[in-house]
C-alpha atoms as a PDB file:
ATOM      1  CA  MET A   1     -20.438  15.759 -63.558  1.00  0.00           C
ATOM      2  CA  MET A   2     -21.630  18.145 -60.820  1.00  0.00           C
ATOM      3  CA  THR A   3     -23.750  15.388 -59.287  1.00  0.00           C
ATOM      4  CA  ARG A   4     -20.745  13.052 -59.182  1.00  0.00           C
ATOM      5  CA  LEU A   5     -18.633  15.735 -57.457  1.00  0.00           C
ATOM      6  CA  LYS A   6     -21.397  16.292 -54.908  1.00  0.00           C
ATOM      7  CA  PHE A   7     -21.507  12.541 -54.261  1.00  0.00           C
ATOM      8  CA  ILE A   8     -17.732  12.395 -53.823  1.00  0.00           C
ATOM      9  CA  ALA A   9     -17.832  15.406 -51.509  1.00  0.00           C
ATOM     10  CA  LEU A  10     -20.660  13.805 -49.552  1.00  0.00           C
ATOM     11  CA  GLY A  11     -18.675  10.565 -49.298  1.00  0.00           C
ATOM     12  CA  ILE A  12     -15.577  12.370 -48.046  1.00  0.00           C
ATOM     13  CA  GLY A  13     -17.701  14.313 -45.576  1.00  0.00           C
ATOM     14  CA  THR A  14     -19.267  11.111 -44.283  1.00  0.00           C
ATOM     15  CA  ILE A  15     -15.865   9.484 -43.867  1.00  0.00           C
ATOM     16  CA  LEU A  16     -14.543  12.532 -42.018  1.00  0.00           C
ATOM     17  CA  SER A  17     -17.623  12.583 -39.797  1.00  0.00           C
ATOM     18  CA  LEU A  18     -17.204   8.910 -38.978  1.00  0.00           C
ATOM     19  CA  PHE A  19     -13.521   9.474 -38.318  1.00  0.00           C
ATOM     20  CA  CYS A  20     -14.367  12.290 -35.909  1.00  0.00           C
ATOM     21  CA  VAL A  21     -16.948  10.100 -34.153  1.00  0.00           C
ATOM     22  CA  PHE A  22     -14.453   7.254 -33.750  1.00  0.00           C
ATOM     23  CA  ALA A  23     -11.717   9.654 -32.657  1.00  0.00           C
ATOM     24  CA  LEU A  24     -14.050  11.229 -30.094  1.00  0.00           C
ATOM     25  CA  ARG A  25     -15.122   7.799 -28.885  1.00  0.00           C
ATOM     26  CA  ALA A  26     -11.490   6.675 -28.586  1.00  0.00           C
ATOM     27  CA  GLN A  27     -10.674   9.867 -26.707  1.00  0.00           C
ATOM     28  CA  THR A  28     -13.609   9.361 -24.335  1.00  0.00           C
ATOM     29  CA  THR A  29     -12.897   5.688 -23.672  1.00  0.00           C
ATOM     30  CA  SER A  30      -9.247   6.438 -22.825  1.00  0.00           C
ATOM     31  CA  LYS A  31     -10.310   8.448 -19.798  1.00  0.00           C
ATOM     32  CA  VAL A  32     -11.403   7.765 -16.273  1.00  0.00           C
ATOM     33  CA  VAL A  33     -14.166  10.176 -15.326  1.00  0.00           C
ATOM     34  CA  PHE A  34     -15.071  10.606 -11.668  1.00  0.00           C
ATOM     35  CA  VAL A  35     -18.549  12.076 -11.253  1.00  0.00           C
ATOM     36  CA  GLY A  36     -19.596  13.139  -7.779  1.00  0.00           C
ATOM     37  CA  LYS A  37     -23.003  14.003  -6.350  1.00  0.00           C
ATOM     38  CA  VAL A  38     -23.218  15.764  -2.978  1.00  0.00           C
ATOM     39  CA  ASP A  39     -25.381  18.123  -0.947  1.00  0.00           C
ATOM     40  CA  PRO A  40     -25.396  21.602  -2.552  1.00  0.00           C
ATOM     41  CA  ARG A  41     -24.411  23.089   0.813  1.00  0.00           C
ATOM     42  CA  PHE A  42     -20.871  21.974  -0.117  1.00  0.00           C
ATOM     43  CA  ASP A  43     -20.819  24.212  -3.197  1.00  0.00           C
ATOM     44  CA  GLY A  44     -17.485  25.978  -3.503  1.00  0.00           C
ATOM     45  CA  THR A  45     -15.496  23.360  -1.569  1.00  0.00           C
ATOM     46  CA  LYS A  46     -12.780  21.289  -3.201  1.00  0.00           C
ATOM     47  CA  ILE A  47     -12.229  17.618  -3.972  1.00  0.00           C
ATOM     48  CA  TYR A  48      -8.668  16.376  -4.330  1.00  0.00           C
ATOM     49  CA  LEU A  49      -7.408  13.406  -6.334  1.00  0.00           C
ATOM     50  CA  TYR A  50      -3.854  12.116  -5.990  1.00  0.00           C
ATOM     51  CA  ASN A  51      -1.882   8.975  -6.759  1.00  0.00           C
ATOM     52  CA  ASN A  52       1.621   8.491  -5.362  1.00  0.00           C
ATOM     53  CA  ILE A  53       2.230   5.592  -7.723  1.00  0.00           C
ATOM     54  CA  THR A  54       1.274   7.144 -11.068  1.00  0.00           C
ATOM     55  CA  GLY A  55       1.877  10.774 -10.097  1.00  0.00           C
ATOM     56  CA  ASP A  56      -1.704  11.820 -10.951  1.00  0.00           C
ATOM     57  CA  ASN A  57      -2.978  14.950  -9.198  1.00  0.00           C
ATOM     58  CA  ASP A  58      -6.153  16.935  -9.805  1.00  0.00           C
ATOM     59  CA  THR A  59      -8.699  19.168  -8.081  1.00  0.00           C
ATOM     60  CA  ALA A  60     -12.402  19.847  -8.608  1.00  0.00           C
ATOM     61  CA  THR A  61     -14.764  22.381  -7.065  1.00  0.00           C
ATOM     62  CA  VAL A  62     -18.303  21.435  -6.089  1.00  0.00           C
ATOM     63  CA  THR A  63     -20.867  23.336  -8.179  1.00  0.00           C
ATOM     64  CA  LYS A  64     -24.642  22.891  -7.781  1.00  0.00           C
ATOM     65  CA  GLY A  65     -24.119  19.726  -5.764  1.00  0.00           C
ATOM     66  CA  ALA A  66     -21.838  18.088  -8.311  1.00  0.00           C
ATOM     67  CA  TRP A  67     -18.159  17.749  -9.128  1.00  0.00           C
ATOM     68  CA  GLN A  68     -16.138  15.983 -11.815  1.00  0.00           C
ATOM     69  CA  ILE A  69     -12.517  14.993 -12.396  1.00  0.00           C
ATOM     70  CA  GLU A  70     -11.166  13.454 -15.598  1.00  0.00           C
ATOM     71  CA  ARG A  71      -7.851  11.643 -15.822  1.00  0.00           C
ATOM     72  CA  PRO A  72      -6.300   9.739 -18.733  1.00  0.00           C
ATOM     73  CA  PHE A  73      -6.358   6.000 -18.172  1.00  0.00           C
ATOM     74  CA  THR A  74      -2.806   4.656 -18.288  1.00  0.00           C
ATOM     75  CA  VAL A  75      -2.637   1.627 -16.009  1.00  0.00           C
ATOM     76  CA  ALA A  76      -4.716  -0.296 -13.495  1.00  0.00           C
ATOM     77  CA  THR A  77      -4.276   1.587 -10.242  1.00  0.00           C
ATOM     78  CA  ARG A  78      -5.866   3.011  -7.114  1.00  0.00           C
ATOM     79  CA  HIS A  79      -6.658   6.730  -7.159  1.00  0.00           C
ATOM     80  CA  MET A  80      -7.015   8.441  -3.796  1.00  0.00           C
ATOM     81  CA  LEU A  81      -9.685  11.052  -3.038  1.00  0.00           C
ATOM     82  CA  ALA A  82      -9.991  13.553  -0.215  1.00  0.00           C
ATOM     83  CA  ALA A  83     -12.480  16.319   0.601  1.00  0.00           C
ATOM     84  CA  GLU A  84     -11.745  19.832   1.846  1.00  0.00           C
ATOM     85  CA  ALA A  85     -15.020  19.821   3.820  1.00  0.00           C
ATOM     86  CA  GLU A  86     -13.959  16.779   5.852  1.00  0.00           C
ATOM     87  CA  SER A  87     -10.617  18.358   6.675  1.00  0.00           C
ATOM     88  CA  LYS A  88     -12.285  21.574   7.834  1.00  0.00           C
ATOM     89  CA  LYS A  89     -14.726  19.761  10.120  1.00  0.00           C
ATOM     90  CA  HIS A  90     -12.382  17.174  11.620  1.00  0.00           C
ATOM     91  CA  GLY A  91      -9.000  18.885  11.338  1.00  0.00           C
ATOM     92  CA  GLY A  92      -7.877  16.239   8.865  1.00  0.00           C
ATOM     93  CA  TYR A  93      -9.274  13.767   6.404  1.00  0.00           C
ATOM     94  CA  ALA A  94      -9.431  10.026   5.857  1.00  0.00           C
ATOM     95  CA  PRO A  95      -8.626   9.601   2.159  1.00  0.00           C
ATOM     96  CA  PHE A  96     -10.218   6.687   0.402  1.00  0.00           C
ATOM     97  CA  GLY A  97      -9.096   4.856  -2.694  1.00  0.00           C
ATOM     98  CA  ILE A  98     -11.003   3.915  -5.801  1.00  0.00           C
ATOM     99  CA  LEU A  99      -9.767   0.984  -7.867  1.00  0.00           C
ATOM    100  CA  VAL A 100      -9.652   1.578 -11.602  1.00  0.00           C
ATOM    101  CA  ASP A 101      -8.624  -1.076 -14.112  1.00  0.00           C
ATOM    102  CA  ALA A 102     -10.142   0.300 -17.323  1.00  0.00           C
ATOM    103  CA  PRO A 103     -11.474   3.539 -18.821  1.00  0.00           C
ATOM    104  CA  ALA A 104     -14.832   4.200 -17.167  1.00  0.00           C
ATOM    105  CA  THR A 105     -17.239   6.731 -15.712  1.00  0.00           C
ATOM    106  CA  ILE A 106     -17.255   6.204 -11.967  1.00  0.00           C
ATOM    107  CA  HIS A 107     -19.991   7.625  -9.754  1.00  0.00           C
ATOM    108  CA  ILE A 108     -19.331   8.694  -6.171  1.00  0.00           C
ATOM    109  CA  ALA A 109     -22.110   9.746  -3.812  1.00  0.00           C
ATOM    110  CA  GLY A 110     -21.748  10.603  -0.144  1.00  0.00           C
ATOM    111  CA  ASP A 111     -21.305  13.142   2.631  1.00  0.00           C
ATOM    112  CA  LEU A 112     -18.180  15.238   2.048  1.00  0.00           C
ATOM    113  CA  GLU A 113     -17.632  15.566   5.788  1.00  0.00           C
ATOM    114  CA  SER A 114     -17.223  11.771   5.947  1.00  0.00           C
ATOM    115  CA  PHE A 115     -16.033  11.323   2.390  1.00  0.00           C
ATOM    116  CA  TYR A 116     -14.516   7.871   2.910  1.00  0.00           C
ATOM    117  CA  THR A 117     -18.029   6.453   3.486  1.00  0.00           C
ATOM    118  CA  SER A 118     -19.128   7.379  -0.056  1.00  0.00           C
ATOM    119  CA  LYS A 119     -20.731   4.778  -2.305  1.00  0.00           C
ATOM    120  CA  VAL A 120     -18.760   3.993  -5.442  1.00  0.00           C
ATOM    121  CA  SER A 121     -20.135   2.460  -8.637  1.00  0.00           C
ATOM    122  CA  GLY A 122     -18.993   2.083 -12.236  1.00  0.00           C
ATOM    123  CA  SER A 123     -15.642   0.363 -11.683  1.00  0.00           C
ATOM    124  CA  ASN A 124     -15.492  -3.407 -12.081  1.00  0.00           C
ATOM    125  CA  ALA A 125     -12.342  -3.602  -9.981  1.00  0.00           C
ATOM    126  CA  HIS A 126     -13.874  -1.586  -7.161  1.00  0.00           C
ATOM    127  CA  ASP A 127     -16.984  -3.781  -7.290  1.00  0.00           C
ATOM    128  CA  VAL A 128     -14.770  -6.624  -6.072  1.00  0.00           C
ATOM    129  CA  LEU A 129     -13.817  -4.546  -3.037  1.00  0.00           C
ATOM    130  CA  ASN A 130     -17.478  -3.669  -2.454  1.00  0.00           C
ATOM    131  CA  GLN A 131     -18.295  -7.384  -2.529  1.00  0.00           C
ATOM    132  CA  TYR A 132     -15.713  -7.982   0.198  1.00  0.00           C
ATOM    133  CA  PHE A 133     -17.086  -5.157   2.370  1.00  0.00           C
ATOM    134  CA  THR A 134     -20.660  -6.392   1.944  1.00  0.00           C
ATOM    135  CA  LEU A 135     -19.788  -9.951   2.970  1.00  0.00           C
ATOM    136  CA  MET A 136     -17.766  -8.691   5.938  1.00  0.00           C
ATOM    137  CA  GLN A 137     -20.904  -7.019   7.302  1.00  0.00           C
ATOM    138  CA  THR A 138     -22.478 -10.440   7.744  1.00  0.00           C
ATOM    139  CA  LYS A 139     -22.671 -11.389  11.403  1.00  0.00           C
ATOM    140  CA  GLY A 140     -19.840 -13.719  12.365  1.00  0.00           C
ATOM    141  CA  ALA A 141     -18.065 -13.272   9.010  1.00  0.00           C
ATOM    142  CA  ASP A 142     -14.739 -15.124   8.762  1.00  0.00           C
ATOM    143  CA  GLU A 143     -12.408 -12.654   7.025  1.00  0.00           C
ATOM    144  CA  ALA A 144     -10.049 -15.315   5.684  1.00  0.00           C
ATOM    145  CA  ALA A 145     -12.993 -17.255   4.237  1.00  0.00           C
ATOM    146  CA  VAL A 146     -14.479 -14.097   2.720  1.00  0.00           C
ATOM    147  CA  ILE A 147     -11.192 -13.191   1.030  1.00  0.00           C
ATOM    148  CA  THR A 148     -10.837 -16.727  -0.301  1.00  0.00           C
ATOM    149  CA  GLN A 149     -14.350 -16.633  -1.750  1.00  0.00           C
ATOM    150  CA  VAL A 150     -14.113 -13.171  -3.312  1.00  0.00           C
ATOM    151  CA  VAL A 151     -10.696 -13.750  -4.877  1.00  0.00           C
ATOM    152  CA  ALA A 152     -11.738 -17.132  -6.289  1.00  0.00           C
ATOM    153  CA  GLN A 153     -14.825 -15.564  -7.886  1.00  0.00           C
ATOM    154  CA  ASN A 154     -12.807 -12.678  -9.352  1.00  0.00           C
ATOM    155  CA  ASN A 155      -9.419 -14.217 -10.091  1.00  0.00           C
ATOM    156  CA  ASN A 156      -9.019 -12.186 -13.298  1.00  0.00           C
ATOM    157  CA  SER A 157      -9.695  -8.851 -11.593  1.00  0.00           C
ATOM    158  CA  PHE A 158      -7.241  -6.212 -10.452  1.00  0.00           C
ATOM    159  CA  GLY A 159      -9.555  -5.822  -7.469  1.00  0.00           C
ATOM    160  CA  ALA A 160      -8.776  -9.361  -6.296  1.00  0.00           C
ATOM    161  CA  ALA A 161      -5.043  -8.605  -6.294  1.00  0.00           C
ATOM    162  CA  PHE A 162      -5.628  -5.441  -4.276  1.00  0.00           C
ATOM    163  CA  LEU A 163      -7.818  -7.346  -1.820  1.00  0.00           C
ATOM    164  CA  LEU A 164      -5.069  -9.900  -1.191  1.00  0.00           C
ATOM    165  CA  ASP A 165      -2.406  -7.228  -0.904  1.00  0.00           C
ATOM    166  CA  ARG A 166      -4.345  -5.041   1.525  1.00  0.00           C
ATOM    167  CA  TYR A 167      -6.281  -7.563   3.619  1.00  0.00           C
ATOM    168  CA  GLY A 168      -4.454 -10.860   3.054  1.00  0.00           C
ATOM    169  CA  LYS A 169      -2.709 -10.486   6.409  1.00  0.00           C
ATOM    170  CA  ALA A 170      -5.919 -11.810   7.961  1.00  0.00           C
ATOM    171  CA  MET A 171      -4.995 -15.204   6.479  1.00  0.00           C
ATOM    172  CA  LYS A 172      -2.269 -17.651   7.378  1.00  0.00           C
ATOM    173  CA  PRO A 173       0.576 -17.215   4.864  1.00  0.00           C
ATOM    174  CA  GLU A 174       0.108 -20.757   3.552  1.00  0.00           C
ATOM    175  CA  GLU A 175      -3.597 -20.093   2.933  1.00  0.00           C
ATOM    176  CA  ALA A 176      -2.896 -16.745   1.296  1.00  0.00           C
ATOM    177  CA  LEU A 177      -0.350 -18.341  -1.041  1.00  0.00           C
ATOM    178  CA  LYS A 178      -2.870 -20.953  -2.156  1.00  0.00           C
ATOM    179  CA  VAL A 179      -5.439 -18.229  -2.906  1.00  0.00           C
ATOM    180  CA  TYR A 180      -2.810 -16.102  -4.668  1.00  0.00           C
ATOM    181  CA  GLU A 181      -1.863 -18.982  -6.954  1.00  0.00           C
ATOM    182  CA  GLY A 182      -5.449 -18.947  -8.225  1.00  0.00           C
ATOM    183  CA  LEU A 183      -4.998 -15.486  -9.754  1.00  0.00           C
ATOM    184  CA  THR A 184      -4.489 -15.333 -13.517  1.00  0.00           C
ATOM    185  CA  PRO A 185      -0.920 -14.672 -14.754  1.00  0.00           C
ATOM    186  CA  ALA A 186      -1.843 -11.175 -15.976  1.00  0.00           C
ATOM    187  CA  ILE A 187      -3.259 -10.166 -12.583  1.00  0.00           C
ATOM    188  CA  LYS A 188      -0.181 -11.527 -10.801  1.00  0.00           C
ATOM    189  CA  GLN A 189       1.907  -9.173 -12.949  1.00  0.00           C
ATOM    190  CA  SER A 190      -0.177  -6.100 -12.022  1.00  0.00           C
ATOM    191  CA  TYR A 191       1.141  -3.643  -9.434  1.00  0.00           C
ATOM    192  CA  TYR A 192      -0.897  -5.063  -6.566  1.00  0.00           C
ATOM    193  CA  GLY A 193      -0.465  -8.602  -7.884  1.00  0.00           C
ATOM    194  CA  LYS A 194       3.305  -8.306  -7.537  1.00  0.00           C
ATOM    195  CA  SER A 195       2.954  -6.584  -4.182  1.00  0.00           C
ATOM    196  CA  ALA A 196       0.602  -9.284  -2.854  1.00  0.00           C
ATOM    197  CA  GLY A 197       2.968 -12.026  -3.997  1.00  0.00           C
ATOM    198  CA  ASN A 198       5.927 -10.369  -2.292  1.00  0.00           C
ATOM    199  CA  GLN A 199       3.947  -9.820   0.891  1.00  0.00           C
ATOM    200  CA  ILE A 200       2.869 -13.452   1.038  1.00  0.00           C
ATOM    201  CA  ARG A 201       6.354 -14.796   0.368  1.00  0.00           C
ATOM    202  CA  GLY A 202       7.729 -12.366   2.941  1.00  0.00           C
ATOM    203  CA  ALA A 203       5.159 -13.526   5.496  1.00  0.00           C
ATOM    204  CA  LEU A 204       6.183 -17.145   4.916  1.00  0.00           C
ATOM    205  CA  LEU A 205       9.856 -16.278   5.352  1.00  0.00           C
ATOM    206  CA  SER A 206       9.286 -14.201   8.508  1.00  0.00           C
ATOM    207  CA  LYS A 207       6.805 -16.221  10.540  1.00  0.00           C
ATOM    208  CA  GLU A 208       7.794 -17.222  14.062  1.00  0.00           C
ATOM    209  CA  GLY A 209      10.141 -20.198  13.936  1.00  0.00           C
ATOM    210  CA  ALA A 210      11.471 -19.381  10.457  1.00  0.00           C
ATOM    211  CA  LEU A 211      15.209 -19.023   9.859  1.00  0.00           C
ATOM    212  CA  VAL A 212      16.325 -15.644   8.542  1.00  0.00           C
ATOM    213  CA  ALA A 213      18.418 -16.074   5.396  1.00  0.00           C
ATOM    214  CA  ASN A 214      21.409 -13.789   4.984  1.00  0.00           C
ATOM    215  CA  PHE A 215      20.935 -10.380   3.385  1.00  0.00           C
ATOM    216  CA  SER A 216      23.149  -7.334   2.859  1.00  0.00           C
ATOM    217  CA  LEU A 217      22.299  -3.644   3.112  1.00  0.00           C
ATOM    218  CA  PRO A 218      24.423  -0.464   3.244  1.00  0.00           C
ATOM    219  CA  ASN A 219      25.101   1.478   6.425  1.00  0.00           C
ATOM    220  CA  GLU A 220      25.288   5.277   6.604  1.00  0.00           C
ATOM    221  CA  ASN A 221      28.830   5.162   5.197  1.00  0.00           C
ATOM    222  CA  GLY A 222      27.787   3.073   2.194  1.00  0.00           C
ATOM    223  CA  GLN A 223      29.459  -0.067   3.535  1.00  0.00           C
ATOM    224  CA  LYS A 224      27.503  -3.288   2.953  1.00  0.00           C
ATOM    225  CA  ILE A 225      26.743  -5.174   6.170  1.00  0.00           C
ATOM    226  CA  ASP A 226      25.762  -8.870   6.139  1.00  0.00           C
ATOM    227  CA  PHE A 227      23.105 -10.040   8.563  1.00  0.00           C
ATOM    228  CA  ALA A 228      25.126 -13.291   8.839  1.00  0.00           C
ATOM    229  CA  SER A 229      27.902 -11.331  10.573  1.00  0.00           C
ATOM    230  CA  MET A 230      25.629 -11.047  13.620  1.00  0.00           C
ATOM    231  CA  LYS A 231      25.125 -14.790  13.989  1.00  0.00           C
ATOM    232  CA  GLY A 232      25.782 -15.941  17.536  1.00  0.00           C
ATOM    233  CA  SER A 233      23.872 -13.049  19.114  1.00  0.00           C
ATOM    234  CA  TYR A 234      20.245 -12.328  19.827  1.00  0.00           C
ATOM    235  CA  VAL A 235      19.298  -9.632  17.337  1.00  0.00           C
ATOM    236  CA  LEU A 236      16.359  -7.262  17.454  1.00  0.00           C
ATOM    237  CA  LEU A 237      15.532  -6.282  13.866  1.00  0.00           C
ATOM    238  CA  ASP A 238      13.858  -2.875  13.924  1.00  0.00           C
ATOM    239  CA  PHE A 239      12.186  -1.574  10.736  1.00  0.00           C
ATOM    240  CA  TRP A 240      11.501   2.165  10.888  1.00  0.00           C
ATOM    241  CA  ALA A 241      11.440   5.437   8.929  1.00  0.00           C
ATOM    242  CA  SER A 242      12.315   9.037   9.721  1.00  0.00           C
ATOM    243  CA  TRP A 243       8.707  10.200   9.205  1.00  0.00           C
ATOM    244  CA  CYS A 244       7.295   7.581  11.625  1.00  0.00           C
ATOM    245  CA  GLY A 245       6.502   9.213  14.985  1.00  0.00           C
ATOM    246  CA  PRO A 246       5.988   5.931  16.908  1.00  0.00           C
ATOM    247  CA  CYS A 247       9.328   4.681  15.533  1.00  0.00           C
ATOM    248  CA  ILE A 248      11.179   7.713  16.883  1.00  0.00           C
ATOM    249  CA  GLU A 249       9.377   7.424  20.220  1.00  0.00           C
ATOM    250  CA  GLU A 250      10.366   3.742  20.487  1.00  0.00           C
ATOM    251  CA  PHE A 251      14.054   4.687  20.247  1.00  0.00           C
ATOM    252  CA  LYS A 252      13.840   5.729  23.916  1.00  0.00           C
ATOM    253  CA  THR A 253      13.069   2.113  24.848  1.00  0.00           C
ATOM    254  CA  LEU A 254      15.686   0.739  22.484  1.00  0.00           C
ATOM    255  CA  LYS A 255      18.398   2.999  23.904  1.00  0.00           C
ATOM    256  CA  GLU A 256      17.481   1.836  27.402  1.00  0.00           C
ATOM    257  CA  ILE A 257      17.627  -1.883  26.636  1.00  0.00           C
ATOM    258  CA  TYR A 258      20.745  -1.508  24.486  1.00  0.00           C
ATOM    259  CA  GLY A 259      22.531   0.156  27.381  1.00  0.00           C
ATOM    260  CA  LYS A 260      21.357  -2.624  29.700  1.00  0.00           C
ATOM    261  CA  TYR A 261      22.326  -5.670  27.610  1.00  0.00           C
ATOM    262  CA  LYS A 262      25.083  -4.579  25.226  1.00  0.00           C
ATOM    263  CA  GLY A 263      28.382  -6.131  26.305  1.00  0.00           C
ATOM    264  CA  LYS A 264      26.771  -8.157  29.097  1.00  0.00           C
ATOM    265  CA  SER A 265      24.685 -10.515  26.982  1.00  0.00           C
ATOM    266  CA  ALA A 266      24.908 -11.657  23.392  1.00  0.00           C
ATOM    267  CA  PHE A 267      22.455  -8.980  22.247  1.00  0.00           C
ATOM    268  CA  GLU A 268      22.416  -6.579  19.301  1.00  0.00           C
ATOM    269  CA  ILE A 269      19.972  -4.213  17.663  1.00  0.00           C
ATOM    270  CA  LEU A 270      19.866  -3.827  13.882  1.00  0.00           C
ATOM    271  CA  SER A 271      17.740  -0.918  12.700  1.00  0.00           C
ATOM    272  CA  ILE A 272      16.679  -0.889   9.036  1.00  0.00           C
ATOM    273  CA  SER A 273      15.274   2.317   7.577  1.00  0.00           C
ATOM    274  CA  THR A 274      12.657   2.117   4.834  1.00  0.00           C
ATOM    275  CA  ASP A 275      12.989   5.814   3.964  1.00  0.00           C
ATOM    276  CA  LYS A 276      12.752   6.715   0.289  1.00  0.00           C
ATOM    277  CA  SER A 277      15.121   9.584   0.961  1.00  0.00           C
ATOM    278  CA  GLU A 278      18.627   8.663   2.017  1.00  0.00           C
ATOM    279  CA  ASN A 279      19.170  12.223   3.236  1.00  0.00           C
ATOM    280  CA  ALA A 280      16.076  12.099   5.462  1.00  0.00           C
ATOM    281  CA  TRP A 281      17.396   8.887   6.999  1.00  0.00           C
ATOM    282  CA  LYS A 282      20.896  10.263   7.589  1.00  0.00           C
ATOM    283  CA  ASN A 283      19.591  13.521   9.034  1.00  0.00           C
ATOM    284  CA  MET A 284      17.447  11.613  11.527  1.00  0.00           C
ATOM    285  CA  LEU A 285      20.447   9.484  12.505  1.00  0.00           C
ATOM    286  CA  LYS A 286      22.363  12.671  13.328  1.00  0.00           C
ATOM    287  CA  THR A 287      19.455  13.866  15.456  1.00  0.00           C
ATOM    288  CA  GLN A 288      18.893  10.593  17.302  1.00  0.00           C
ATOM    289  CA  GLN A 289      22.531   9.487  17.785  1.00  0.00           C
ATOM    290  CA  LEU A 290      21.687   5.780  17.852  1.00  0.00           C
ATOM    291  CA  PRO A 291      24.637   3.633  19.033  1.00  0.00           C
ATOM    292  CA  TRP A 292      23.735   0.397  17.224  1.00  0.00           C
ATOM    293  CA  ILE A 293      24.044  -0.657  13.564  1.00  0.00           C
ATOM    294  CA  GLN A 294      21.947   1.314  11.076  1.00  0.00           C
ATOM    295  CA  LEU A 295      21.110   0.092   7.554  1.00  0.00           C
ATOM    296  CA  HIS A 296      19.057   1.500   4.681  1.00  0.00           C
ATOM    297  CA  ASP A 297      16.556  -0.497   2.621  1.00  0.00           C
ATOM    298  CA  ILE A 298      15.205   1.449  -0.383  1.00  0.00           C
ATOM    299  CA  PRO A 299      11.452   0.776  -0.874  1.00  0.00           C
ATOM    300  CA  ALA A 300      10.780  -1.456  -3.892  1.00  0.00           C
ATOM    301  CA  ASP A 301       8.999  -4.672  -4.855  1.00  0.00           C
ATOM    302  CA  ASN A 302      12.099  -6.674  -3.926  1.00  0.00           C
ATOM    303  CA  SER A 303      13.082  -4.670  -0.838  1.00  0.00           C
ATOM    304  CA  ILE A 304      14.207  -6.641   2.194  1.00  0.00           C
ATOM    305  CA  ALA A 305      11.367  -5.174   4.253  1.00  0.00           C
ATOM    306  CA  VAL A 306       8.726  -6.455   1.824  1.00  0.00           C
ATOM    307  CA  SER A 307      10.152  -9.568   0.191  1.00  0.00           C
ATOM    308  CA  ARG A 308      11.798 -11.027   3.315  1.00  0.00           C
ATOM    309  CA  PHE A 309       9.743  -9.692   6.215  1.00  0.00           C
ATOM    310  CA  ALA A 310       6.353  -8.587   4.791  1.00  0.00           C
ATOM    311  CA  VAL A 311       6.581  -5.249   6.596  1.00  0.00           C
ATOM    312  CA  THR A 312       3.372  -3.278   6.052  1.00  0.00           C
ATOM    313  CA  ALA A 313       3.442  -0.988   9.099  1.00  0.00           C
ATOM    314  CA  LEU A 314       6.102   0.826  11.086  1.00  0.00           C
ATOM    315  CA  PRO A 315       7.669   0.210  13.464  1.00  0.00           C
ATOM    316  CA  THR A 316       7.917  -3.556  12.946  1.00  0.00           C
ATOM    317  CA  THR A 317      10.336  -5.685  14.947  1.00  0.00           C
ATOM    318  CA  PHE A 318      11.617  -9.262  14.918  1.00  0.00           C
ATOM    319  CA  LEU A 319      13.620 -10.851  17.714  1.00  0.00           C
ATOM    320  CA  VAL A 320      16.030 -13.400  16.240  1.00  0.00           C
ATOM    321  CA  ASP A 321      17.981 -16.003  18.231  1.00  0.00           C
ATOM    322  CA  PRO A 322      21.738 -16.732  17.845  1.00  0.00           C
ATOM    323  CA  ASN A 323      20.983 -19.357  15.183  1.00  0.00           C
ATOM    324  CA  GLY A 324      18.914 -16.980  13.090  1.00  0.00           C
ATOM    325  CA  LYS A 325      15.480 -18.280  14.147  1.00  0.00           C
ATOM    326  CA  ILE A 326      12.673 -15.765  14.644  1.00  0.00           C
ATOM    327  CA  LEU A 327      11.490 -15.965  18.254  1.00  0.00           C
ATOM    328  CA  ALA A 328       8.909 -13.183  18.357  1.00  0.00           C
ATOM    329  CA  LYS A 329       7.429 -10.351  16.293  1.00  0.00           C
ATOM    330  CA  ASN A 330       6.449  -6.777  17.115  1.00  0.00           C
ATOM    331  CA  LEU A 331       7.689  -6.622  20.678  1.00  0.00           C
ATOM    332  CA  ARG A 332       7.696  -2.994  21.819  1.00  0.00           C
ATOM    333  CA  GLY A 333       7.911  -0.927  24.974  1.00  0.00           C
ATOM    334  CA  GLU A 334       7.247  -2.717  28.257  1.00  0.00           C
ATOM    335  CA  GLU A 335       6.409  -5.958  26.469  1.00  0.00           C
ATOM    336  CA  LEU A 336       9.884  -5.990  24.890  1.00  0.00           C
ATOM    337  CA  LYS A 337      11.547  -5.235  28.232  1.00  0.00           C
ATOM    338  CA  ALA A 338       9.645  -8.052  29.957  1.00  0.00           C
ATOM    339  CA  TYR A 339      10.511 -10.540  27.209  1.00  0.00           C
ATOM    340  CA  LEU A 340      14.235  -9.750  27.464  1.00  0.00           C
ATOM    341  CA  VAL A 341      14.179 -10.000  31.265  1.00  0.00           C
ATOM    342  CA  LYS A 342      12.688 -13.479  30.923  1.00  0.00           C
ATOM    343  CA  LEU A 343      15.172 -14.369  28.175  1.00  0.00           C
ATOM    344  CA  PHE A 344      18.351 -13.173  29.919  1.00  0.00           C
ATOM    345  CA  GLY A 345      17.239 -13.575  33.545  1.00  0.00           C
ATOM    346  CA  TYR A 346      17.717  -9.915  34.555  1.00  0.00           C
END
């Protein structure tokens, strides 16, 4: 009887041990572990991880030439890293992103004073990006051809979607769309898959010669304004944000040309803010006192800036003719003044 009880106890103990092993393994495999190796002279300095999409934030301190950050894996994403040592030496840092599409242990090795040059291994998604960078180092590399090749070879990778989203602007929109269509359905539905698709469609809709379809956005009083209401005039579409220094600086030029052509020629300016904060936008409007129409486009996958105009940098401008056709893109400063002088004859 005692032997049988010992056997039962042993069996229960074995089951519990196995359960603990599996539980520990499940716990381990649900994490993303960043393991860094650096020169010990950086001991005591900090490494920062952040992600504005997922909300992840973490900090590690270098100890004996090593550092480590663990985060739960929740979704395929791009975590950003920055080093305190780089900021101290250069007065700022160039954060670099690491693509993660599955639980993994990712190794990072490099100089913390130029952290963005670190070598990254252990992430299948980031390997796709490394492949792109390696091919681009080839003398005479054609970026569009490289992107086409890498995406085609990795069409079921989150890294391919990121590559198209971040660097696809090097391709003609028609070419980018063809490459995008080669991605698997699941990758198209990922964060960067959706973003890449919107960017490509926006680029097709906003290329020179394209007709701008009507859209509506609210002004500072909450009133919806239709773009179609401006038909019959030349319209300078100006995408900006309150945090964008070059955008604010460009307002000096815009005020000058608006004063010159408003009322004398069929010319209007339509500024569209991409600020996340409506208050930040309105406060800047009070400061700047801009006399032309102001609209607000809340950042999202289907925002006007992204889905209609493929705006990836600010400021971005489009000059549209009275029939709604895009004549030119990204005219600024003296170049914009010269173009309007040629257009209006004065």
